[in-house]
Amino acid sequence: MKPINVTKNARLSVAPMMDWTDRHCRYLHRQLSGQALLYTEMVTAPALVRGGALHLLDHDPAEHPVALQLGGSDARELAQASRLGAEAGYDEINLNCGCPSDRVQSGTFGAVLMRDPGLVAECVTAMRDTVDVPVTVKCRIGVDDQDPEEVLPEFLSRIVAAGCERVTIHARKAWLKGLSPKENRDIPPLDYDLVQRMKGLFPNLHVSINGGIATLDQVEELLDSGLDGVMVGRAAYHQPVDVLAQADRRIFGSGCDSTAEHAVAAMLPYIERHLSEGGRLHQITRHMLGLFAGRPGARGWRRTLSEGATQGGAGPELVEAALGHVTALAPEAKAV
């Protein structure tokens, strides 16, 4: 498949989230927006290169435009993993320099790489020399006692010199000691102004912002402020319709709005195919629980799927039964 130019799609992206943005989640999100850029969960370069875990690269052609996020700190290994990702058809390879978990710290990658911009630049160079698709970076504004006003411009200048043309900045510090990964998503204060100043310092760098963004209105405001892109994380997972269903029209200026009902209808044949290949229903429906968030009947939808999808023999009929809780309270909605 010919690589897609994903720069325009990066106006709105869904963040890579461990245990959440797997291939089933991405397929669901694609039913709501045809244009937003989707990211995989972080895949470690050692798992691909040393472990041969190429199944981690599996994805459906319908997911495009889709980017592979890699974790690692060995330039040669990251280059090899990037080649595997490009050969698997990913439209972009992204280097994780923002994850604060103990696991990535012990492997000397993720947010710990903010301390070594020279190494990051070396990795970016090796990755770019290996693949034809864009190589991008996702980072924090700093870690621990670093002064973001000093370290972030230096970090960006090094990766730009290495040929990185697009970066996503999570507008919080990461505290590698003393805060859990969950706390690192909420406790360090957001500094959107700093990210916007970085765009001013690096006008030719495509800068996307991430962190604390929950609505499409916020996305539009940040784009209007001069940033090139916005990445949404947890809100896109828990309230996917609110973030993605109107995105093609409002953010990209083309296409029609989608609905939760449309997404459910599109997922049914996908579910049937997954079950026929030996998969389990809950592997898909766990990502669908938030489809009707805020709507009458949403609790019944969630309860039916949560309680029934793990049962042996559960199939598309359970999803249709769950949908009945919503359509029964919304006569104007089309039943699937």
C-alpha atoms as a PDB file:
ATOM      1  CA  MET A   1       0.000   0.000   0.000  1.00  0.00           C
ATOM      2  CA  LYS A   2       1.349   3.426  -0.955  1.00  0.00           C
ATOM      3  CA  PRO A   3       2.194   5.539   2.138  1.00  0.00           C
ATOM      4  CA  ILE A   4      -0.265   8.293   2.988  1.00  0.00           C
ATOM      5  CA  ASN A   5       0.891  11.874   3.546  1.00  0.00           C
ATOM      6  CA  VAL A   6      -0.292  12.131   7.131  1.00  0.00           C
ATOM      7  CA  THR A   7       0.648  15.748   7.864  1.00  0.00           C
ATOM      8  CA  LYS A   8      -2.876  16.993   7.222  1.00  0.00           C
ATOM      9  CA  ASN A   9      -4.361  14.133   9.233  1.00  0.00           C
ATOM     10  CA  ALA A  10      -2.232  15.166  12.218  1.00  0.00           C
ATOM     11  CA  ARG A  11      -4.480  18.206  12.731  1.00  0.00           C
ATOM     12  CA  LEU A  12      -6.351  15.820  15.009  1.00  0.00           C
ATOM     13  CA  SER A  13      -4.967  12.562  16.335  1.00  0.00           C
ATOM     14  CA  VAL A  14      -5.870   9.979  18.962  1.00  0.00           C
ATOM     15  CA  ALA A  15      -3.039   9.391  21.407  1.00  0.00           C
ATOM     16  CA  PRO A  16      -1.217   6.080  21.754  1.00  0.00           C
ATOM     17  CA  MET A  17      -2.525   4.553  25.005  1.00  0.00           C
ATOM     18  CA  MET A  18      -1.262   1.299  26.460  1.00  0.00           C
ATOM     19  CA  ASP A  19      -3.929  -1.418  26.775  1.00  0.00           C
ATOM     20  CA  TRP A  20      -6.429   0.815  24.983  1.00  0.00           C
ATOM     21  CA  THR A  21      -5.536   1.776  21.414  1.00  0.00           C
ATOM     22  CA  ASP A  22      -5.165  -1.732  20.051  1.00  0.00           C
ATOM     23  CA  ARG A  23      -6.293  -2.676  16.556  1.00  0.00           C
ATOM     24  CA  HIS A  24      -9.924  -3.197  17.599  1.00  0.00           C
ATOM     25  CA  CYS A  25     -10.082   0.216  19.240  1.00  0.00           C
ATOM     26  CA  ARG A  26      -8.562   1.841  16.179  1.00  0.00           C
ATOM     27  CA  TYR A  27     -11.032   0.130  13.861  1.00  0.00           C
ATOM     28  CA  LEU A  28     -13.877   1.502  15.997  1.00  0.00           C
ATOM     29  CA  HIS A  29     -12.448   5.015  15.974  1.00  0.00           C
ATOM     30  CA  ARG A  30     -12.098   4.876  12.204  1.00  0.00           C
ATOM     31  CA  GLN A  31     -15.859   4.334  11.918  1.00  0.00           C
ATOM     32  CA  LEU A  32     -16.359   7.707  13.604  1.00  0.00           C
ATOM     33  CA  SER A  33     -13.710   9.705  11.726  1.00  0.00           C
ATOM     34  CA  GLY A  34     -12.235   8.904   8.359  1.00  0.00           C
ATOM     35  CA  GLN A  35      -9.443  11.459   8.679  1.00  0.00           C
ATOM     36  CA  ALA A  36      -8.096  11.696  12.229  1.00  0.00           C
ATOM     37  CA  LEU A  37      -4.642  10.151  12.622  1.00  0.00           C
ATOM     38  CA  LEU A  38      -4.680   7.026  14.814  1.00  0.00           C
ATOM     39  CA  TYR A  39      -1.753   5.664  16.811  1.00  0.00           C
ATOM     40  CA  THR A  40      -0.923   2.187  18.011  1.00  0.00           C
ATOM     41  CA  GLU A  41      -0.129   1.376  21.583  1.00  0.00           C
ATOM     42  CA  MET A  42       3.587   1.728  22.198  1.00  0.00           C
ATOM     43  CA  VAL A  43       5.435  -1.274  20.785  1.00  0.00           C
ATOM     44  CA  THR A  44       8.984  -1.783  22.025  1.00  0.00           C
ATOM     45  CA  ALA A  45      11.725  -2.133  19.451  1.00  0.00           C
ATOM     46  CA  PRO A  46      13.273  -5.092  21.335  1.00  0.00           C
ATOM     47  CA  ALA A  47       9.960  -6.976  21.167  1.00  0.00           C
ATOM     48  CA  LEU A  48       9.985  -6.698  17.383  1.00  0.00           C
ATOM     49  CA  VAL A  49      13.676  -7.096  16.660  1.00  0.00           C
ATOM     50  CA  ARG A  50      14.807  -9.518  19.349  1.00  0.00           C
ATOM     51  CA  GLY A  51      11.496 -11.112  20.260  1.00  0.00           C
ATOM     52  CA  GLY A  52      10.117 -11.495  16.754  1.00  0.00           C
ATOM     53  CA  ALA A  53       6.688 -10.378  17.986  1.00  0.00           C
ATOM     54  CA  LEU A  54       5.538  -9.251  14.545  1.00  0.00           C
ATOM     55  CA  HIS A  55       1.905  -9.946  15.476  1.00  0.00           C
ATOM     56  CA  LEU A  56       2.105  -6.636  17.377  1.00  0.00           C
ATOM     57  CA  LEU A  57       2.122  -4.945  13.968  1.00  0.00           C
ATOM     58  CA  ASP A  58      -1.190  -6.474  12.866  1.00  0.00           C
ATOM     59  CA  HIS A  59      -3.762  -3.948  11.737  1.00  0.00           C
ATOM     60  CA  ASP A  60      -6.701  -3.696   9.368  1.00  0.00           C
ATOM     61  CA  PRO A  61      -6.330  -1.719   6.118  1.00  0.00           C
ATOM     62  CA  ALA A  62      -9.369   0.315   7.186  1.00  0.00           C
ATOM     63  CA  GLU A  63      -7.345   1.868  10.022  1.00  0.00           C
ATOM     64  CA  HIS A  64      -5.293   4.116   7.725  1.00  0.00           C
ATOM     65  CA  PRO A  65      -4.030   6.741   8.294  1.00  0.00           C
ATOM     66  CA  VAL A  66      -2.349   4.964  11.213  1.00  0.00           C
ATOM     67  CA  ALA A  67       1.005   5.478  12.928  1.00  0.00           C
ATOM     68  CA  LEU A  68       3.196   3.014  14.805  1.00  0.00           C
ATOM     69  CA  GLN A  69       4.653   4.247  18.085  1.00  0.00           C
ATOM     70  CA  LEU A  70       7.948   2.648  19.070  1.00  0.00           C
ATOM     71  CA  GLY A  71       9.707   2.555  22.409  1.00  0.00           C
ATOM     72  CA  GLY A  72      13.442   2.099  22.671  1.00  0.00           C
ATOM     73  CA  SER A  73      16.785   3.858  22.965  1.00  0.00           C
ATOM     74  CA  ASP A  74      19.124   1.820  20.769  1.00  0.00           C
ATOM     75  CA  ALA A  75      19.398   3.651  17.450  1.00  0.00           C
ATOM     76  CA  ARG A  76      20.247   0.564  15.433  1.00  0.00           C
ATOM     77  CA  GLU A  77      17.416  -1.456  16.958  1.00  0.00           C
ATOM     78  CA  LEU A  78      14.918   1.367  16.484  1.00  0.00           C
ATOM     79  CA  ALA A  79      15.966   1.594  12.830  1.00  0.00           C
ATOM     80  CA  GLN A  80      15.306  -2.126  12.391  1.00  0.00           C
ATOM     81  CA  ALA A  81      11.937  -1.852  14.140  1.00  0.00           C
ATOM     82  CA  SER A  82      11.046   1.157  11.988  1.00  0.00           C
ATOM     83  CA  ARG A  83      11.792  -0.860   8.865  1.00  0.00           C
ATOM     84  CA  LEU A  84       9.500  -3.639  10.101  1.00  0.00           C
ATOM     85  CA  GLY A  85       6.769  -1.079  10.792  1.00  0.00           C
ATOM     86  CA  ALA A  86       7.094   0.536   7.394  1.00  0.00           C
ATOM     87  CA  GLU A  87       7.065  -2.872   5.701  1.00  0.00           C
ATOM     88  CA  ALA A  88       3.886  -3.696   7.628  1.00  0.00           C
ATOM     89  CA  GLY A  89       2.289  -0.629   6.027  1.00  0.00           C
ATOM     90  CA  TYR A  90       2.255   2.008   8.779  1.00  0.00           C
ATOM     91  CA  ASP A  91       2.037   5.587   7.537  1.00  0.00           C
ATOM     92  CA  GLU A  92       4.307   7.056  10.225  1.00  0.00           C
ATOM     93  CA  ILE A  93       6.801   5.853  12.825  1.00  0.00           C
ATOM     94  CA  ASN A  94       6.724   7.717  16.149  1.00  0.00           C
ATOM     95  CA  LEU A  95       9.378   7.600  18.869  1.00  0.00           C
ATOM     96  CA  ASN A  96       8.070   7.625  22.444  1.00  0.00           C
ATOM     97  CA  CYS A  97       9.927  10.140  24.610  1.00  0.00           C
ATOM     98  CA  GLY A  98       7.087  10.770  27.038  1.00  0.00           C
ATOM     99  CA  CYS A  99       5.941   7.612  28.838  1.00  0.00           C
ATOM    100  CA  PRO A 100       6.906   7.743  32.555  1.00  0.00           C
ATOM    101  CA  SER A 101       6.218   4.168  33.656  1.00  0.00           C
ATOM    102  CA  ASP A 102       8.734   2.140  35.668  1.00  0.00           C
ATOM    103  CA  ARG A 103       8.898  -0.330  32.796  1.00  0.00           C
ATOM    104  CA  VAL A 104      10.188   2.204  30.303  1.00  0.00           C
ATOM    105  CA  GLN A 105      12.550   3.758  32.832  1.00  0.00           C
ATOM    106  CA  SER A 106      14.197   0.402  33.447  1.00  0.00           C
ATOM    107  CA  GLY A 107      14.610   0.059  29.678  1.00  0.00           C
ATOM    108  CA  THR A 108      16.033   3.590  29.339  1.00  0.00           C
ATOM    109  CA  PHE A 109      13.371   4.870  26.996  1.00  0.00           C
ATOM    110  CA  GLY A 110      10.143   6.845  27.166  1.00  0.00           C
ATOM    111  CA  ALA A 111      10.270  10.069  29.195  1.00  0.00           C
ATOM    112  CA  VAL A 112      13.776   9.336  30.475  1.00  0.00           C
ATOM    113  CA  LEU A 113      14.998  10.202  26.968  1.00  0.00           C
ATOM    114  CA  MET A 114      14.180  13.862  27.697  1.00  0.00           C
ATOM    115  CA  ARG A 115      17.474  13.843  29.615  1.00  0.00           C
ATOM    116  CA  ASP A 116      19.487  12.866  26.528  1.00  0.00           C
ATOM    117  CA  PRO A 117      18.460  14.859  23.440  1.00  0.00           C
ATOM    118  CA  GLY A 118      21.669  13.827  21.702  1.00  0.00           C
ATOM    119  CA  LEU A 119      20.680  10.167  21.910  1.00  0.00           C
ATOM    120  CA  VAL A 120      17.171  10.981  20.685  1.00  0.00           C
ATOM    121  CA  ALA A 121      18.651  12.826  17.706  1.00  0.00           C
ATOM    122  CA  GLU A 122      20.851   9.814  16.968  1.00  0.00           C
ATOM    123  CA  CYS A 123      17.802   7.549  17.065  1.00  0.00           C
ATOM    124  CA  VAL A 124      15.757   9.837  14.822  1.00  0.00           C
ATOM    125  CA  THR A 125      18.574   9.994  12.289  1.00  0.00           C
ATOM    126  CA  ALA A 126      18.909   6.214  12.195  1.00  0.00           C
ATOM    127  CA  MET A 127      15.163   5.746  11.831  1.00  0.00           C
ATOM    128  CA  ARG A 128      14.861   8.350   9.069  1.00  0.00           C
ATOM    129  CA  ASP A 129      17.753   6.829   7.175  1.00  0.00           C
ATOM    130  CA  THR A 130      15.927   3.490   7.161  1.00  0.00           C
ATOM    131  CA  VAL A 131      12.350   4.325   6.158  1.00  0.00           C
ATOM    132  CA  ASP A 132      10.573   6.563   3.677  1.00  0.00           C
ATOM    133  CA  VAL A 133       7.574   7.304   5.907  1.00  0.00           C
ATOM    134  CA  PRO A 134       7.703  10.226   8.375  1.00  0.00           C
ATOM    135  CA  VAL A 135       9.577   9.724  11.648  1.00  0.00           C
ATOM    136  CA  THR A 136       8.069  11.798  14.455  1.00  0.00           C
ATOM    137  CA  VAL A 137       8.574  12.261  18.193  1.00  0.00           C
ATOM    138  CA  LYS A 138       6.183  12.448  21.147  1.00  0.00           C
ATOM    139  CA  CYS A 139       7.689  14.060  24.233  1.00  0.00           C
ATOM    140  CA  ARG A 140       7.008  15.878  27.492  1.00  0.00           C
ATOM    141  CA  ILE A 141       8.022  19.462  28.312  1.00  0.00           C
ATOM    142  CA  GLY A 142      10.640  18.050  30.694  1.00  0.00           C
ATOM    143  CA  VAL A 143      11.177  15.600  33.524  1.00  0.00           C
ATOM    144  CA  ASP A 144      11.766  15.901  37.265  1.00  0.00           C
ATOM    145  CA  ASP A 145      13.710  19.052  38.188  1.00  0.00           C
ATOM    146  CA  GLN A 146      14.445  20.110  34.624  1.00  0.00           C
ATOM    147  CA  ASP A 147      13.490  23.668  33.665  1.00  0.00           C
ATOM    148  CA  PRO A 148      11.189  23.223  30.641  1.00  0.00           C
ATOM    149  CA  GLU A 149      12.017  26.743  29.410  1.00  0.00           C
ATOM    150  CA  GLU A 150      15.608  25.577  28.966  1.00  0.00           C
ATOM    151  CA  VAL A 151      15.429  21.891  28.127  1.00  0.00           C
ATOM    152  CA  LEU A 152      12.518  21.848  25.699  1.00  0.00           C
ATOM    153  CA  PRO A 153      14.021  24.292  23.162  1.00  0.00           C
ATOM    154  CA  GLU A 154      17.303  22.343  23.295  1.00  0.00           C
ATOM    155  CA  PHE A 155      15.484  19.037  22.862  1.00  0.00           C
ATOM    156  CA  LEU A 156      13.504  20.335  19.895  1.00  0.00           C
ATOM    157  CA  SER A 157      16.526  21.917  18.230  1.00  0.00           C
ATOM    158  CA  ARG A 158      18.375  18.597  18.371  1.00  0.00           C
ATOM    159  CA  ILE A 159      15.569  16.537  16.837  1.00  0.00           C
ATOM    160  CA  VAL A 160      14.884  19.179  14.187  1.00  0.00           C
ATOM    161  CA  ALA A 161      18.569  19.093  13.228  1.00  0.00           C
ATOM    162  CA  ALA A 162      18.207  15.311  12.936  1.00  0.00           C
ATOM    163  CA  GLY A 163      15.425  15.793  10.401  1.00  0.00           C
ATOM    164  CA  CYS A 164      12.291  15.441  12.539  1.00  0.00           C
ATOM    165  CA  GLU A 165       9.573  17.607  10.988  1.00  0.00           C
ATOM    166  CA  ARG A 166       6.698  16.828  13.336  1.00  0.00           C
ATOM    167  CA  VAL A 167       6.498  16.573  17.129  1.00  0.00           C
ATOM    168  CA  THR A 168       3.691  16.048  19.628  1.00  0.00           C
ATOM    169  CA  ILE A 169       4.293  17.675  23.007  1.00  0.00           C
ATOM    170  CA  HIS A 170       2.447  16.500  26.107  1.00  0.00           C
ATOM    171  CA  ALA A 171       2.227  19.831  27.900  1.00  0.00           C
ATOM    172  CA  ARG A 172       3.197  18.464  31.337  1.00  0.00           C
ATOM    173  CA  LYS A 173       6.399  17.472  33.007  1.00  0.00           C
ATOM    174  CA  ALA A 174       6.862  13.811  33.847  1.00  0.00           C
ATOM    175  CA  TRP A 175       8.004  12.969  37.368  1.00  0.00           C
ATOM    176  CA  LEU A 176       9.983   9.770  37.074  1.00  0.00           C
ATOM    177  CA  LYS A 177      10.129   9.265  40.839  1.00  0.00           C
ATOM    178  CA  GLY A 178       7.253   9.799  43.239  1.00  0.00           C
ATOM    179  CA  LEU A 179       4.326   9.759  40.809  1.00  0.00           C
ATOM    180  CA  SER A 180       2.633   6.803  39.164  1.00  0.00           C
ATOM    181  CA  PRO A 181       1.945   6.826  35.412  1.00  0.00           C
ATOM    182  CA  LYS A 182      -1.704   7.635  36.208  1.00  0.00           C
ATOM    183  CA  GLU A 183      -0.713  10.540  38.463  1.00  0.00           C
ATOM    184  CA  ASN A 184       1.659  11.784  35.766  1.00  0.00           C
ATOM    185  CA  ARG A 185      -1.386  12.275  33.531  1.00  0.00           C
ATOM    186  CA  ASP A 186      -3.088  14.616  36.004  1.00  0.00           C
ATOM    187  CA  ILE A 187      -0.872  16.095  38.718  1.00  0.00           C
ATOM    188  CA  PRO A 188       1.931  17.993  36.927  1.00  0.00           C
ATOM    189  CA  PRO A 189       0.414  21.295  35.757  1.00  0.00           C
ATOM    190  CA  LEU A 190      -0.309  21.867  32.092  1.00  0.00           C
ATOM    191  CA  ASP A 191       1.643  24.571  30.293  1.00  0.00           C
ATOM    192  CA  TYR A 192      -0.039  25.193  26.958  1.00  0.00           C
ATOM    193  CA  ASP A 193       1.637  28.606  26.658  1.00  0.00           C
ATOM    194  CA  LEU A 194       5.068  26.999  26.620  1.00  0.00           C
ATOM    195  CA  VAL A 195       4.064  24.678  23.790  1.00  0.00           C
ATOM    196  CA  GLN A 196       2.701  27.628  21.839  1.00  0.00           C
ATOM    197  CA  ARG A 197       5.976  29.502  22.367  1.00  0.00           C
ATOM    198  CA  MET A 198       7.832  26.503  20.968  1.00  0.00           C
ATOM    199  CA  LYS A 199       5.801  26.835  17.787  1.00  0.00           C
ATOM    200  CA  GLY A 200       6.993  30.436  17.594  1.00  0.00           C
ATOM    201  CA  LEU A 201      10.618  29.364  18.070  1.00  0.00           C
ATOM    202  CA  PHE A 202      10.359  26.583  15.496  1.00  0.00           C
ATOM    203  CA  PRO A 203       7.954  27.906  12.857  1.00  0.00           C
ATOM    204  CA  ASN A 204       8.777  25.167  10.339  1.00  0.00           C
ATOM    205  CA  LEU A 205       8.229  22.358  12.842  1.00  0.00           C
ATOM    206  CA  HIS A 206       4.755  20.820  12.856  1.00  0.00           C
ATOM    207  CA  VAL A 207       3.779  21.064  16.538  1.00  0.00           C
ATOM    208  CA  SER A 208       0.870  19.129  17.988  1.00  0.00           C
ATOM    209  CA  ILE A 209      -0.230  19.561  21.594  1.00  0.00           C
ATOM    210  CA  ASN A 210      -1.423  16.843  23.971  1.00  0.00           C
ATOM    211  CA  GLY A 211      -2.637  16.748  27.559  1.00  0.00           C
ATOM    212  CA  GLY A 212      -5.942  17.581  29.241  1.00  0.00           C
ATOM    213  CA  ILE A 213      -7.894  18.129  26.014  1.00  0.00           C
ATOM    214  CA  ALA A 214     -11.413  16.779  26.321  1.00  0.00           C
ATOM    215  CA  THR A 215     -13.652  18.384  23.697  1.00  0.00           C
ATOM    216  CA  LEU A 216     -13.723  19.228  20.015  1.00  0.00           C
ATOM    217  CA  ASP A 217     -14.275  22.865  21.002  1.00  0.00           C
ATOM    218  CA  GLN A 218     -10.894  22.816  22.757  1.00  0.00           C
ATOM    219  CA  VAL A 219      -9.324  21.247  19.695  1.00  0.00           C
ATOM    220  CA  GLU A 220     -10.628  24.075  17.508  1.00  0.00           C
ATOM    221  CA  GLU A 221      -9.433  26.730  19.970  1.00  0.00           C
ATOM    222  CA  LEU A 222      -5.914  25.304  20.081  1.00  0.00           C
ATOM    223  CA  LEU A 223      -5.726  25.052  16.302  1.00  0.00           C
ATOM    224  CA  ASP A 224      -6.963  28.636  16.031  1.00  0.00           C
ATOM    225  CA  SER A 225      -4.154  29.695  18.401  1.00  0.00           C
ATOM    226  CA  GLY A 226      -1.587  28.742  15.784  1.00  0.00           C
ATOM    227  CA  LEU A 227      -0.705  25.168  16.681  1.00  0.00           C
ATOM    228  CA  ASP A 228      -0.562  22.686  13.822  1.00  0.00           C
ATOM    229  CA  GLY A 229      -2.266  19.744  15.490  1.00  0.00           C
ATOM    230  CA  VAL A 230      -4.015  18.470  18.598  1.00  0.00           C
ATOM    231  CA  MET A 231      -3.749  14.996  20.070  1.00  0.00           C
ATOM    232  CA  VAL A 232      -6.589  13.786  22.298  1.00  0.00           C
ATOM    233  CA  GLY A 233      -6.159  10.872  24.679  1.00  0.00           C
ATOM    234  CA  ARG A 234      -8.578   9.626  27.319  1.00  0.00           C
ATOM    235  CA  ALA A 235     -11.555  11.683  26.141  1.00  0.00           C
ATOM    236  CA  ALA A 236     -11.326  10.104  22.699  1.00  0.00           C
ATOM    237  CA  TYR A 237     -11.477   6.696  24.347  1.00  0.00           C
ATOM    238  CA  HIS A 238     -14.187   7.280  26.938  1.00  0.00           C
ATOM    239  CA  GLN A 239     -16.374   9.635  24.838  1.00  0.00           C
ATOM    240  CA  PRO A 240     -15.335   8.781  21.279  1.00  0.00           C
ATOM    241  CA  VAL A 241     -18.459  10.158  19.631  1.00  0.00           C
ATOM    242  CA  ASP A 242     -18.029  13.581  21.274  1.00  0.00           C
ATOM    243  CA  VAL A 243     -14.447  13.873  20.005  1.00  0.00           C
ATOM    244  CA  LEU A 244     -14.509  12.070  16.655  1.00  0.00           C
ATOM    245  CA  ALA A 245     -18.003  11.972  15.148  1.00  0.00           C
ATOM    246  CA  GLN A 246     -17.951  15.604  13.942  1.00  0.00           C
ATOM    247  CA  ALA A 247     -14.198  15.855  13.436  1.00  0.00           C
ATOM    248  CA  ASP A 248     -14.104  15.330   9.674  1.00  0.00           C
ATOM    249  CA  ARG A 249     -16.414  18.275   9.090  1.00  0.00           C
ATOM    250  CA  ARG A 250     -15.237  20.621  11.851  1.00  0.00           C
ATOM    251  CA  ILE A 251     -11.493  19.953  11.868  1.00  0.00           C
ATOM    252  CA  PHE A 252     -10.786  18.794   8.328  1.00  0.00           C
ATOM    253  CA  GLY A 253     -13.491  20.676   6.462  1.00  0.00           C
ATOM    254  CA  SER A 254     -14.847  17.706   4.560  1.00  0.00           C
ATOM    255  CA  GLY A 255     -16.997  14.667   5.066  1.00  0.00           C
ATOM    256  CA  CYS A 256     -20.157  14.051   7.020  1.00  0.00           C
ATOM    257  CA  ASP A 257     -20.786  13.649  10.725  1.00  0.00           C
ATOM    258  CA  SER A 258     -21.002  10.116  12.052  1.00  0.00           C
ATOM    259  CA  THR A 259     -23.073   8.631  14.882  1.00  0.00           C
ATOM    260  CA  ALA A 260     -22.732   5.972  17.525  1.00  0.00           C
ATOM    261  CA  GLU A 261     -25.421   3.940  15.770  1.00  0.00           C
ATOM    262  CA  HIS A 262     -23.443   4.052  12.522  1.00  0.00           C
ATOM    263  CA  ALA A 263     -20.344   2.856  14.351  1.00  0.00           C
ATOM    264  CA  VAL A 264     -22.236  -0.060  15.909  1.00  0.00           C
ATOM    265  CA  ALA A 265     -23.600  -1.106  12.523  1.00  0.00           C
ATOM    266  CA  ALA A 266     -20.114  -0.970  11.010  1.00  0.00           C
ATOM    267  CA  MET A 267     -18.663  -3.032  13.866  1.00  0.00           C
ATOM    268  CA  LEU A 268     -21.067  -5.970  13.516  1.00  0.00           C
ATOM    269  CA  PRO A 269     -19.441  -7.572  10.437  1.00  0.00           C
ATOM    270  CA  TYR A 270     -16.023  -6.848  11.940  1.00  0.00           C
ATOM    271  CA  ILE A 271     -17.107  -8.675  15.097  1.00  0.00           C
ATOM    272  CA  GLU A 272     -18.380 -11.630  13.084  1.00  0.00           C
ATOM    273  CA  ARG A 273     -15.067 -11.870  11.257  1.00  0.00           C
ATOM    274  CA  HIS A 274     -13.106 -11.681  14.510  1.00  0.00           C
ATOM    275  CA  LEU A 275     -15.205 -14.433  16.093  1.00  0.00           C
ATOM    276  CA  SER A 276     -14.836 -16.640  13.019  1.00  0.00           C
ATOM    277  CA  GLU A 277     -11.052 -16.358  13.448  1.00  0.00           C
ATOM    278  CA  GLY A 278     -11.251 -17.592  17.039  1.00  0.00           C
ATOM    279  CA  GLY A 279     -11.430 -14.235  18.816  1.00  0.00           C
ATOM    280  CA  ARG A 280     -13.632 -13.302  21.761  1.00  0.00           C
ATOM    281  CA  LEU A 281     -16.359 -10.690  21.758  1.00  0.00           C
ATOM    282  CA  HIS A 282     -15.083  -8.774  24.777  1.00  0.00           C
ATOM    283  CA  GLN A 283     -11.780  -8.097  23.005  1.00  0.00           C
ATOM    284  CA  ILE A 284     -13.728  -5.687  20.808  1.00  0.00           C
ATOM    285  CA  THR A 285     -16.682  -4.564  22.924  1.00  0.00           C
ATOM    286  CA  ARG A 286     -14.514  -3.398  25.826  1.00  0.00           C
ATOM    287  CA  HIS A 287     -13.600  -0.473  23.556  1.00  0.00           C
ATOM    288  CA  MET A 288     -17.244   0.256  22.708  1.00  0.00           C
ATOM    289  CA  LEU A 289     -18.539   0.930  26.220  1.00  0.00           C
ATOM    290  CA  GLY A 290     -18.315   4.704  25.879  1.00  0.00           C
ATOM    291  CA  LEU A 291     -20.067   4.993  22.519  1.00  0.00           C
ATOM    292  CA  PHE A 292     -23.301   6.298  24.046  1.00  0.00           C
ATOM    293  CA  ALA A 293     -21.747   8.268  26.914  1.00  0.00           C
ATOM    294  CA  GLY A 294     -24.167  10.885  28.197  1.00  0.00           C
ATOM    295  CA  ARG A 295     -27.172   9.481  26.358  1.00  0.00           C
ATOM    296  CA  PRO A 296     -30.293   7.862  27.844  1.00  0.00           C
ATOM    297  CA  GLY A 297     -29.812   4.124  27.966  1.00  0.00           C
ATOM    298  CA  ALA A 298     -26.009   4.331  28.116  1.00  0.00           C
ATOM    299  CA  ARG A 299     -25.924   2.497  31.442  1.00  0.00           C
ATOM    300  CA  GLY A 300     -27.909  -0.426  30.045  1.00  0.00           C
ATOM    301  CA  TRP A 301     -25.655  -0.520  26.989  1.00  0.00           C
ATOM    302  CA  ARG A 302     -22.541  -0.704  29.160  1.00  0.00           C
ATOM    303  CA  ARG A 303     -24.001  -3.216  31.595  1.00  0.00           C
ATOM    304  CA  THR A 304     -25.193  -5.603  28.901  1.00  0.00           C
ATOM    305  CA  LEU A 305     -21.828  -5.608  27.163  1.00  0.00           C
ATOM    306  CA  SER A 306     -19.772  -5.767  30.350  1.00  0.00           C
ATOM    307  CA  GLU A 307     -21.715  -8.666  31.816  1.00  0.00           C
ATOM    308  CA  GLY A 308     -22.297 -10.659  28.652  1.00  0.00           C
ATOM    309  CA  ALA A 309     -19.333 -10.220  26.323  1.00  0.00           C
ATOM    310  CA  THR A 310     -16.998 -12.468  28.321  1.00  0.00           C
ATOM    311  CA  GLN A 311     -19.468 -15.361  28.267  1.00  0.00           C
ATOM    312  CA  GLY A 312     -18.774 -18.283  25.965  1.00  0.00           C
ATOM    313  CA  GLY A 313     -20.661 -18.067  22.704  1.00  0.00           C
ATOM    314  CA  ALA A 314     -21.369 -14.325  22.989  1.00  0.00           C
ATOM    315  CA  GLY A 315     -21.698 -12.749  19.572  1.00  0.00           C
ATOM    316  CA  PRO A 316     -23.183  -9.850  17.581  1.00  0.00           C
ATOM    317  CA  GLU A 317     -26.649 -10.535  18.958  1.00  0.00           C
ATOM    318  CA  LEU A 318     -25.451  -9.338  22.375  1.00  0.00           C
ATOM    319  CA  VAL A 319     -24.361  -6.029  20.838  1.00  0.00           C
ATOM    320  CA  GLU A 320     -27.768  -5.668  19.198  1.00  0.00           C
ATOM    321  CA  ALA A 321     -29.476  -6.422  22.515  1.00  0.00           C
ATOM    322  CA  ALA A 322     -27.317  -3.806  24.238  1.00  0.00           C
ATOM    323  CA  LEU A 323     -28.223  -1.288  21.554  1.00  0.00           C
ATOM    324  CA  GLY A 324     -31.875  -1.831  22.392  1.00  0.00           C
ATOM    325  CA  HIS A 325     -31.345  -0.049  25.717  1.00  0.00           C
ATOM    326  CA  VAL A 326     -30.464   3.103  23.806  1.00  0.00           C
ATOM    327  CA  THR A 327     -32.896   2.955  20.911  1.00  0.00           C
ATOM    328  CA  ALA A 328     -35.785   2.159  23.241  1.00  0.00           C
ATOM    329  CA  LEU A 329     -35.233   5.535  24.906  1.00  0.00           C
ATOM    330  CA  ALA A 330     -34.523   7.406  21.683  1.00  0.00           C
ATOM    331  CA  PRO A 331     -37.277   6.635  19.146  1.00  0.00           C
ATOM    332  CA  GLU A 332     -35.725   9.003  16.639  1.00  0.00           C
ATOM    333  CA  ALA A 333     -32.545   6.925  16.512  1.00  0.00           C
ATOM    334  CA  LYS A 334     -32.329   4.259  13.887  1.00  0.00           C
ATOM    335  CA  ALA A 335     -32.083   0.752  15.198  1.00  0.00           C
ATOM    336  CA  VAL A 336     -29.409  -1.455  13.671  1.00  0.00           C
END
